[in-house]
Amino acid sequence: MPAPNEDELKKTLVLRIPLTEASAKVRSGPPIDDEADYTLPVWAGELPLRLVTGAPISDPRLKEHIQVPAYIRNYQVKSRVITKLS
């Protein structure tokens, strides 16, 4: 992988801070690279990720007669569509 150029290094800042909360700015669509980057022999693109819900796992110390409630058994993640903001 080629090293970053001088302009890219000037635009990059690395911080190390402890996190107690976090948020992310998210966008969709292909990468927006500098024109010069398109001549490089490296892959660019998207890797779509999804969050899926698995089967509930009860606490091992839970009393045997306590069943998984319906709201947990039937839990479904509502799909969120991220729209392009201008």
Protein backbone atom coordinates (compact mmCIF):
# COMPACT_ATOMS: atom_id res chain seq x y z
CA MET A 1 0.00 0.00 0.00
CA PRO A 2 1.45 3.39 -0.93
CA ALA A 3 2.33 5.85 1.81
CA PRO A 4 0.10 8.90 2.23
CA ASN A 5 1.22 12.00 0.36
CA GLU A 6 2.19 15.25 2.12
CA ASP A 7 -1.24 16.84 1.60
CA GLU A 8 -3.00 13.79 3.12
CA LEU A 9 -0.68 13.86 6.14
CA LYS A 10 -1.45 17.56 6.70
CA LYS A 11 -5.18 16.74 6.72
CA THR A 12 -4.79 13.90 9.23
CA LEU A 13 -4.88 14.22 13.00
CA VAL A 14 -4.68 11.28 15.40
CA LEU A 15 -5.90 11.65 18.97
CA ARG A 16 -5.99 9.23 21.86
CA ILE A 17 -8.74 10.02 24.33
CA PRO A 18 -10.78 7.90 26.74
CA LEU A 19 -14.40 7.48 25.64
CA THR A 20 -17.45 7.38 27.86
CA GLU A 21 -19.82 8.14 24.97
CA ALA A 22 -19.38 8.13 21.21
CA SER A 23 -21.20 9.03 18.02
CA ALA A 24 -20.37 8.67 14.36
CA LYS A 25 -21.02 10.63 11.22
CA VAL A 26 -22.27 8.18 8.63
CA ARG A 27 -22.85 8.55 4.92
CA SER A 28 -23.71 6.17 2.14
CA GLY A 29 -22.38 5.75 -1.35
CA PRO A 30 -19.00 5.16 -2.88
CA PRO A 31 -15.78 6.69 -1.55
CA ILE A 32 -15.01 10.30 -2.39
CA ASP A 33 -11.27 10.24 -3.06
CA ASP A 34 -8.90 12.84 -4.41
CA GLU A 35 -8.49 12.52 -8.20
CA ALA A 36 -4.84 11.47 -7.79
CA ASP A 37 -5.92 8.51 -5.63
CA TYR A 38 -7.81 6.92 -8.53
CA THR A 39 -4.49 6.23 -10.29
CA LEU A 40 -3.18 4.16 -7.36
CA PRO A 41 -3.22 0.34 -7.62
CA VAL A 42 -5.28 -0.14 -4.46
CA TRP A 43 -8.85 -1.27 -3.85
CA ALA A 44 -11.44 1.28 -2.83
CA GLY A 45 -15.11 0.67 -2.20
CA GLU A 46 -17.65 -0.20 0.46
CA LEU A 47 -18.02 -3.16 2.78
CA PRO A 48 -21.68 -3.28 3.79
CA LEU A 49 -22.23 -4.44 7.37
CA ARG A 50 -25.43 -5.49 9.11
CA LEU A 51 -26.47 -6.00 12.67
CA VAL A 52 -28.44 -9.18 13.24
CA THR A 53 -30.24 -10.38 16.33
CA GLY A 54 -29.46 -13.87 17.60
CA ALA A 55 -31.41 -16.16 19.88
CA PRO A 56 -31.81 -14.93 23.47
CA ILE A 57 -29.43 -16.39 26.03
CA SER A 58 -30.76 -16.44 29.59
CA ASP A 59 -28.58 -15.59 32.54
CA PRO A 60 -27.21 -18.92 33.86
CA ARG A 61 -28.31 -17.92 37.40
CA LEU A 62 -31.92 -17.24 36.34
CA LYS A 63 -34.52 -19.40 38.07
CA GLU A 64 -35.59 -22.23 35.73
CA HIS A 65 -39.30 -21.37 35.74
CA ILE A 66 -38.70 -17.85 34.33
CA GLN A 67 -39.30 -17.92 30.58
CA VAL A 68 -37.99 -15.52 27.97
CA PRO A 69 -40.68 -12.82 27.60
CA ALA A 70 -42.48 -12.37 24.26
CA TYR A 71 -41.01 -8.91 23.69
CA ILE A 72 -37.55 -10.48 23.73
CA ARG A 73 -38.49 -13.62 21.72
CA ASN A 74 -40.15 -11.45 19.05
CA TYR A 75 -37.62 -8.63 19.04
CA GLN A 76 -36.83 -7.27 15.60
CA VAL A 77 -34.51 -4.47 14.65
CA LYS A 78 -36.33 -1.84 12.66
CA SER A 79 -34.43 -1.06 9.48
CA ARG A 80 -33.11 2.48 9.31
CA VAL A 81 -32.58 4.01 5.91
CA ILE A 82 -29.80 6.54 5.87
CA THR A 83 -30.56 9.23 3.34
CA LYS A 84 -28.09 11.51 1.68
CA LEU A 85 -27.94 14.88 3.39
CA SER A 86 -27.08 17.94 1.38
